[in-house]
């Protein structure tokens, strides 16, 4: 239900006197945002000069983190 709301709509509903969404929904959203930022960093890292200079084992760690 909440996944179809815009961010503004979600925030408005969250700040209302309705019991849901609540802490669980906010925790899920926060976790999703954190995971997305981690993916962004990995995607921005792969292919850079400093990334290409890493040992293969380290490159695999970055790639594996991105898959997860």
PDB file of N, CA and C in Angstrom:
ATOM      1  N   UNK A   1       0.810  -1.193   0.000  1.00  0.00           N
ATOM      2  CA  UNK A   1       0.000   0.000   0.000  1.00  0.00           C
ATOM      3  C   UNK A   1       0.857   1.262   0.000  1.00  0.00           C
ATOM      4  N   UNK A   2       1.826   1.322   0.905  1.00  0.00           N
ATOM      5  CA  UNK A   2       2.625   2.533   1.033  1.00  0.00           C
ATOM      6  C   UNK A   2       3.643   2.694  -0.089  1.00  0.00           C
ATOM      7  N   UNK A   3       3.995   1.599  -0.754  1.00  0.00           N
ATOM      8  CA  UNK A   3       5.017   1.694  -1.798  1.00  0.00           C
ATOM      9  C   UNK A   3       4.550   2.486  -3.009  1.00  0.00           C
ATOM     10  N   UNK A   4       3.258   2.692  -3.151  1.00  0.00           N
ATOM     11  CA  UNK A   4       2.740   3.456  -4.282  1.00  0.00           C
ATOM     12  C   UNK A   4       2.623   4.952  -3.971  1.00  0.00           C
ATOM     13  N   UNK A   5       2.914   5.343  -2.737  1.00  0.00           N
ATOM     14  CA  UNK A   5       2.824   6.750  -2.359  1.00  0.00           C
ATOM     15  C   UNK A   5       4.059   7.507  -2.810  1.00  0.00           C
ATOM     16  N   UNK A   6       3.897   8.775  -3.112  1.00  0.00           N
ATOM     17  CA  UNK A   6       5.064   9.627  -3.336  1.00  0.00           C
ATOM     18  C   UNK A   6       5.733   9.856  -1.988  1.00  0.00           C
ATOM     19  N   UNK A   7       6.928  10.355  -1.993  1.00  0.00           N
ATOM     20  CA  UNK A   7       7.618  10.652  -0.737  1.00  0.00           C
ATOM     21  C   UNK A   7       6.802  11.643   0.087  1.00  0.00           C
ATOM     22  N   UNK A   8       6.280  12.662  -0.559  1.00  0.00           N
ATOM     23  CA  UNK A   8       5.486  13.667   0.147  1.00  0.00           C
ATOM     24  C   UNK A   8       4.229  13.048   0.746  1.00  0.00           C
ATOM     25  N   UNK A   9       3.561  12.198  -0.017  1.00  0.00           N
ATOM     26  CA  UNK A   9       2.365  11.529   0.495  1.00  0.00           C
ATOM     27  C   UNK A   9       2.691  10.629   1.684  1.00  0.00           C
ATOM     28  N   UNK A  10       3.801   9.905   1.588  1.00  0.00           N
ATOM     29  CA  UNK A  10       4.225   9.043   2.692  1.00  0.00           C
ATOM     30  C   UNK A  10       4.493   9.870   3.945  1.00  0.00           C
ATOM     31  N   UNK A  11       5.208  10.963   3.787  1.00  0.00           N
ATOM     32  CA  UNK A  11       5.522  11.822   4.934  1.00  0.00           C
ATOM     33  C   UNK A  11       4.263  12.427   5.543  1.00  0.00           C
ATOM     34  N   UNK A  12       3.330  12.824   4.702  1.00  0.00           N
ATOM     35  CA  UNK A  12       2.074  13.370   5.214  1.00  0.00           C
ATOM     36  C   UNK A  12       1.304  12.311   6.004  1.00  0.00           C
ATOM     37  N   UNK A  13       1.257  11.107   5.481  1.00  0.00           N
ATOM     38  CA  UNK A  13       0.562  10.017   6.180  1.00  0.00           C
ATOM     39  C   UNK A  13       1.289   9.670   7.480  1.00  0.00           C
ATOM     40  N   UNK A  14       2.608   9.680   7.435  1.00  0.00           N
ATOM     41  CA  UNK A  14       3.410   9.375   8.614  1.00  0.00           C
ATOM     42  C   UNK A  14       3.186  10.402   9.727  1.00  0.00           C
ATOM     43  N   UNK A  15       3.004  11.636   9.360  1.00  0.00           N
ATOM     44  CA  UNK A  15       2.839  12.696  10.365  1.00  0.00           C
ATOM     45  C   UNK A  15       1.390  12.854  10.834  1.00  0.00           C
ATOM     46  N   UNK A  16       0.485  12.045  10.282  1.00  0.00           N
ATOM     47  CA  UNK A  16      -0.925  12.143  10.665  1.00  0.00           C
ATOM     48  C   UNK A  16      -1.184  11.368  11.960  1.00  0.00           C
ATOM     49  N   UNK A  17      -2.440  11.320  12.373  1.00  0.00           N
ATOM     50  CA  UNK A  17      -2.795  10.577  13.585  1.00  0.00           C
ATOM     51  C   UNK A  17      -3.075   9.102  13.299  1.00  0.00           C
ATOM     52  N   UNK A  18      -2.781   8.649  12.082  1.00  0.00           N
ATOM     53  CA  UNK A  18      -2.952   7.249  11.707  1.00  0.00           C
ATOM     54  C   UNK A  18      -1.835   6.399  12.324  1.00  0.00           C
ATOM     55  N   UNK A  19      -2.164   5.188  12.820  1.00  0.00           N
ATOM     56  CA  UNK A  19      -1.116   4.346  13.415  1.00  0.00           C
ATOM     57  C   UNK A  19      -0.145   3.748  12.386  1.00  0.00           C
ATOM     58  N   UNK A  20      -0.518   3.805  11.128  1.00  0.00           N
ATOM     59  CA  UNK A  20       0.364   3.265  10.088  1.00  0.00           C
ATOM     60  C   UNK A  20       0.419   4.256   8.939  1.00  0.00           C
ATOM     61  N   UNK A  21       1.542   4.489   8.338  1.00  0.00           N
ATOM     62  CA  UNK A  21       2.798   3.810   8.579  1.00  0.00           C
ATOM     63  C   UNK A  21       3.396   4.230   9.919  1.00  0.00           C
ATOM     64  N   UNK A  22       4.233   3.357  10.416  1.00  0.00           N
ATOM     65  CA  UNK A  22       4.887   3.620  11.692  1.00  0.00           C
ATOM     66  C   UNK A  22       6.369   3.335  11.616  1.00  0.00           C
ATOM     67  N   UNK A  23       6.907   2.967  12.745  1.00  0.00           N
ATOM     68  CA  UNK A  23       8.350   2.741  12.841  1.00  0.00           C
ATOM     69  C   UNK A  23       8.880   1.662  11.924  1.00  0.00           C
ATOM     70  N   UNK A  24       8.102   0.600  11.738  1.00  0.00           N
ATOM     71  CA  UNK A  24       8.555  -0.480  10.853  1.00  0.00           C
ATOM     72  C   UNK A  24       8.675  -0.037   9.414  1.00  0.00           C
ATOM     73  N   UNK A  25       7.695   0.735   8.973  1.00  0.00           N
ATOM     74  CA  UNK A  25       7.741   1.240   7.592  1.00  0.00           C
ATOM     75  C   UNK A  25       8.895   2.215   7.406  1.00  0.00           C
ATOM     76  N   UNK A  26       9.130   3.039   8.408  1.00  0.00           N
ATOM     77  CA  UNK A  26      10.237   3.996   8.326  1.00  0.00           C
ATOM     78  C   UNK A  26      11.571   3.264   8.346  1.00  0.00           C
ATOM     79  N   UNK A  27      11.679   2.218   9.180  1.00  0.00           N
ATOM     80  CA  UNK A  27      12.914   1.429   9.224  1.00  0.00           C
ATOM     81  C   UNK A  27      13.165   0.749   7.876  1.00  0.00           C
ATOM     82  N   UNK A  28      12.110   0.214   7.261  1.00  0.00           N
ATOM     83  CA  UNK A  28      12.255  -0.431   5.957  1.00  0.00           C
ATOM     84  C   UNK A  28      12.694   0.579   4.900  1.00  0.00           C
ATOM     85  N   UNK A  29      12.092   1.757   4.917  1.00  0.00           N
ATOM     86  CA  UNK A  29      12.471   2.791   3.958  1.00  0.00           C
ATOM     87  C   UNK A  29      13.920   3.229   4.177  1.00  0.00           C
ATOM     88  N   UNK A  30      14.294   3.419   5.436  1.00  0.00           N
ATOM     89  CA  UNK A  30      15.669   3.831   5.743  1.00  0.00           C
ATOM     90  C   UNK A  30      16.676   2.780   5.282  1.00  0.00           C
ATOM     91  N   UNK A  31      16.354   1.523   5.504  1.00  0.00           N
ATOM     92  CA  UNK A  31      17.240   0.438   5.072  1.00  0.00           C
ATOM     93  C   UNK A  31      17.364   0.403   3.556  1.00  0.00           C
ATOM     94  N   UNK A  32      16.246   0.609   2.879  1.00  0.00           N
ATOM     95  CA  UNK A  32      16.264   0.616   1.409  1.00  0.00           C
ATOM     96  C   UNK A  32      17.095   1.773   0.872  1.00  0.00           C
ATOM     97  N   UNK A  33      16.956   2.929   1.497  1.00  0.00           N
ATOM     98  CA  UNK A  33      17.748   4.085   1.072  1.00  0.00           C
ATOM     99  C   UNK A  33      19.238   3.833   1.301  1.00  0.00           C
ATOM    100  N   UNK A  34      19.568   3.231   2.440  1.00  0.00           N
ATOM    101  CA  UNK A  34      20.974   2.934   2.736  1.00  0.00           C
ATOM    102  C   UNK A  34      21.557   1.953   1.727  1.00  0.00           C
ATOM    103  N   UNK A  35      20.792   0.916   1.404  1.00  0.00           N
ATOM    104  CA  UNK A  35      21.252  -0.075   0.423  1.00  0.00           C
ATOM    105  C   UNK A  35      21.445   0.566  -0.946  1.00  0.00           C
ATOM    106  N   UNK A  36      20.538   1.460  -1.304  1.00  0.00           N
ATOM    107  CA  UNK A  36      20.653   2.142  -2.597  1.00  0.00           C
ATOM    108  C   UNK A  36      21.894   3.020  -2.650  1.00  0.00           C
ATOM    109  N   UNK A  37      22.193   3.692  -1.554  1.00  0.00           N
ATOM    110  CA  UNK A  37      23.413   4.516  -1.520  1.00  0.00           C
ATOM    111  C   UNK A  37      24.664   3.646  -1.622  1.00  0.00           C
ATOM    112  N   UNK A  38      24.648   2.495  -0.962  1.00  0.00           N
ATOM    113  CA  UNK A  38      25.776   1.571  -1.073  1.00  0.00           C
ATOM    114  C   UNK A  38      25.972   1.106  -2.497  1.00  0.00           C
ATOM    115  N   UNK A  39      24.876   0.817  -3.192  1.00  0.00           N
ATOM    116  CA  UNK A  39      24.953   0.418  -4.605  1.00  0.00           C
ATOM    117  C   UNK A  39      25.481   1.557  -5.464  1.00  0.00           C
ATOM    118  N   UNK A  40      25.047   2.770  -5.162  1.00  0.00           N
ATOM    119  CA  UNK A  40      25.521   3.931  -5.916  1.00  0.00           C
ATOM    120  C   UNK A  40      27.034   4.069  -5.789  1.00  0.00           C
ATOM    121  N   UNK A  41      27.541   3.918  -4.581  1.00  0.00           N
ATOM    122  CA  UNK A  41      28.982   4.035  -4.358  1.00  0.00           C
ATOM    123  C   UNK A  41      29.729   2.958  -5.137  1.00  0.00           C
ATOM    124  N   UNK A  42      29.223   1.728  -5.081  1.00  0.00           N
ATOM    125  CA  UNK A  42      29.874   0.639  -5.819  1.00  0.00           C
ATOM    126  C   UNK A  42      29.855   0.919  -7.320  1.00  0.00           C
ATOM    127  N   UNK A  43      28.717   1.364  -7.833  1.00  0.00           N
ATOM    128  CA  UNK A  43      28.619   1.669  -9.266  1.00  0.00           C
ATOM    129  C   UNK A  43      29.521   2.827  -9.669  1.00  0.00           C
ATOM    130  N   UNK A  44      29.681   3.792  -8.792  1.00  0.00           N
ATOM    131  CA  UNK A  44      30.581   4.912  -9.096  1.00  0.00           C
ATOM    132  C   UNK A  44      32.051   4.513  -8.977  1.00  0.00           C
ATOM    133  N   UNK A  45      32.321   3.468  -8.216  1.00  0.00           N
ATOM    134  CA  UNK A  45      33.698   3.017  -7.979  1.00  0.00           C
ATOM    135  C   UNK A  45      34.205   2.133  -9.108  1.00  0.00           C
ATOM    136  N   UNK A  46      33.366   1.216  -9.549  1.00  0.00           N
ATOM    137  CA  UNK A  46      33.780   0.248 -10.581  1.00  0.00           C
ATOM    138  C   UNK A  46      34.156   1.004 -11.859  1.00  0.00           C
ATOM    139  N   UNK A  47      35.335   0.677 -12.354  1.00  0.00           N
ATOM    140  CA  UNK A  47      35.813   1.291 -13.587  1.00  0.00           C
ATOM    141  C   UNK A  47      36.728   2.493 -13.367  1.00  0.00           C
ATOM    142  N   UNK A  48      36.798   2.995 -12.153  1.00  0.00           N
ATOM    143  CA  UNK A  48      37.696   4.123 -11.872  1.00  0.00           C
ATOM    144  C   UNK A  48      39.141   3.631 -11.856  1.00  0.00           C
ATOM    145  N   UNK A  49      40.073   4.546 -12.045  1.00  0.00           N
ATOM    146  CA  UNK A  49      41.493   4.197 -12.068  1.00  0.00           C
ATOM    147  C   UNK A  49      41.910   3.522 -10.767  1.00  0.00           C
ATOM    148  N   UNK A  50      41.490   4.087  -9.641  1.00  0.00           N
ATOM    149  CA  UNK A  50      41.865   3.508  -8.353  1.00  0.00           C
ATOM    150  C   UNK A  50      41.268   2.107  -8.173  1.00  0.00           C
ATOM    151  N   UNK A  51      40.071   1.888  -8.706  1.00  0.00           N
ATOM    152  CA  UNK A  51      39.452   0.565  -8.645  1.00  0.00           C
ATOM    153  C   UNK A  51      40.248  -0.418  -9.496  1.00  0.00           C
ATOM    154  N   UNK A  52      40.627   0.004 -10.675  1.00  0.00           N
ATOM    155  CA  UNK A  52      41.369  -0.877 -11.581  1.00  0.00           C
ATOM    156  C   UNK A  52      42.734  -1.259 -11.032  1.00  0.00           C
ATOM    157  N   UNK A  53      43.237  -0.468 -10.097  1.00  0.00           N
ATOM    158  CA  UNK A  53      44.538  -0.762  -9.490  1.00  0.00           C
ATOM    159  C   UNK A  53      44.436  -1.729  -8.312  1.00  0.00           C
ATOM    160  N   UNK A  54      43.225  -2.084  -7.896  1.00  0.00           N
ATOM    161  CA  UNK A  54      43.034  -3.001  -6.777  1.00  0.00           C
ATOM    162  C   UNK A  54      43.416  -4.426  -7.161  1.00  0.00           C
ATOM    163  N   UNK A  55      43.718  -5.213  -6.149  1.00  0.00           N
ATOM    164  CA  UNK A  55      43.925  -6.640  -6.356  1.00  0.00           C
ATOM    165  C   UNK A  55      42.595  -7.259  -6.783  1.00  0.00           C
ATOM    166  N   UNK A  56      42.657  -8.349  -7.529  1.00  0.00           N
ATOM    167  CA  UNK A  56      41.440  -9.012  -8.009  1.00  0.00           C
ATOM    168  C   UNK A  56      40.512  -9.390  -6.856  1.00  0.00           C
ATOM    169  N   UNK A  57      41.091  -9.815  -5.741  1.00  0.00           N
ATOM    170  CA  UNK A  57      40.290 -10.201  -4.571  1.00  0.00           C
ATOM    171  C   UNK A  57      39.459  -9.019  -4.060  1.00  0.00           C
ATOM    172  N   UNK A  58      40.056  -7.850  -4.052  1.00  0.00           N
ATOM    173  CA  UNK A  58      39.343  -6.648  -3.602  1.00  0.00           C
ATOM    174  C   UNK A  58      38.262  -6.239  -4.604  1.00  0.00           C
ATOM    175  N   UNK A  59      38.546  -6.376  -5.882  1.00  0.00           N
ATOM    176  CA  UNK A  59      37.542  -6.072  -6.902  1.00  0.00           C
ATOM    177  C   UNK A  59      36.336  -6.991  -6.748  1.00  0.00           C
ATOM    178  N   UNK A  60      36.589  -8.265  -6.467  1.00  0.00           N
ATOM    179  CA  UNK A  60      35.504  -9.218  -6.286  1.00  0.00           C
ATOM    180  C   UNK A  60      34.645  -8.858  -5.082  1.00  0.00           C
ATOM    181  N   UNK A  61      35.263  -8.318  -4.037  1.00  0.00           N
ATOM    182  CA  UNK A  61      34.508  -7.893  -2.862  1.00  0.00           C
ATOM    183  C   UNK A  61      33.543  -6.761  -3.213  1.00  0.00           C
ATOM    184  N   UNK A  62      34.010  -5.813  -4.000  1.00  0.00           N
ATOM    185  CA  UNK A  62      33.158  -4.707  -4.419  1.00  0.00           C
ATOM    186  C   UNK A  62      32.019  -5.226  -5.297  1.00  0.00           C
ATOM    187  N   UNK A  63      32.340  -6.086  -6.234  1.00  0.00           N
ATOM    188  CA  UNK A  63      31.327  -6.647  -7.130  1.00  0.00           C
ATOM    189  C   UNK A  63      30.313  -7.486  -6.364  1.00  0.00           C
ATOM    190  N   UNK A  64      30.792  -8.232  -5.385  1.00  0.00           N
ATOM    191  CA  UNK A  64      29.908  -9.071  -4.574  1.00  0.00           C
ATOM    192  C   UNK A  64      28.978  -8.203  -3.720  1.00  0.00           C
ATOM    193  N   UNK A  65      29.507  -7.132  -3.178  1.00  0.00           N
ATOM    194  CA  UNK A  65      28.681  -6.216  -2.388  1.00  0.00           C
ATOM    195  C   UNK A  65      27.593  -5.607  -3.249  1.00  0.00           C
ATOM    196  N   UNK A  66      27.915  -5.270  -4.490  1.00  0.00           N
ATOM    197  CA  UNK A  66      26.940  -4.697  -5.398  1.00  0.00           C
ATOM    198  C   UNK A  66      25.824  -5.698  -5.727  1.00  0.00           C
ATOM    199  N   UNK A  67      26.184  -6.956  -5.906  1.00  0.00           N
ATOM    200  CA  UNK A  67      25.182  -7.991  -6.189  1.00  0.00           C
ATOM    201  C   UNK A  67      24.211  -8.150  -5.024  1.00  0.00           C
ATOM    202  N   UNK A  68      24.751  -8.069  -3.825  1.00  0.00           N
ATOM    203  CA  UNK A  68      23.898  -8.235  -2.632  1.00  0.00           C
ATOM    204  C   UNK A  68      22.968  -7.075  -2.488  1.00  0.00           C
TER     205      UNK A  68
END
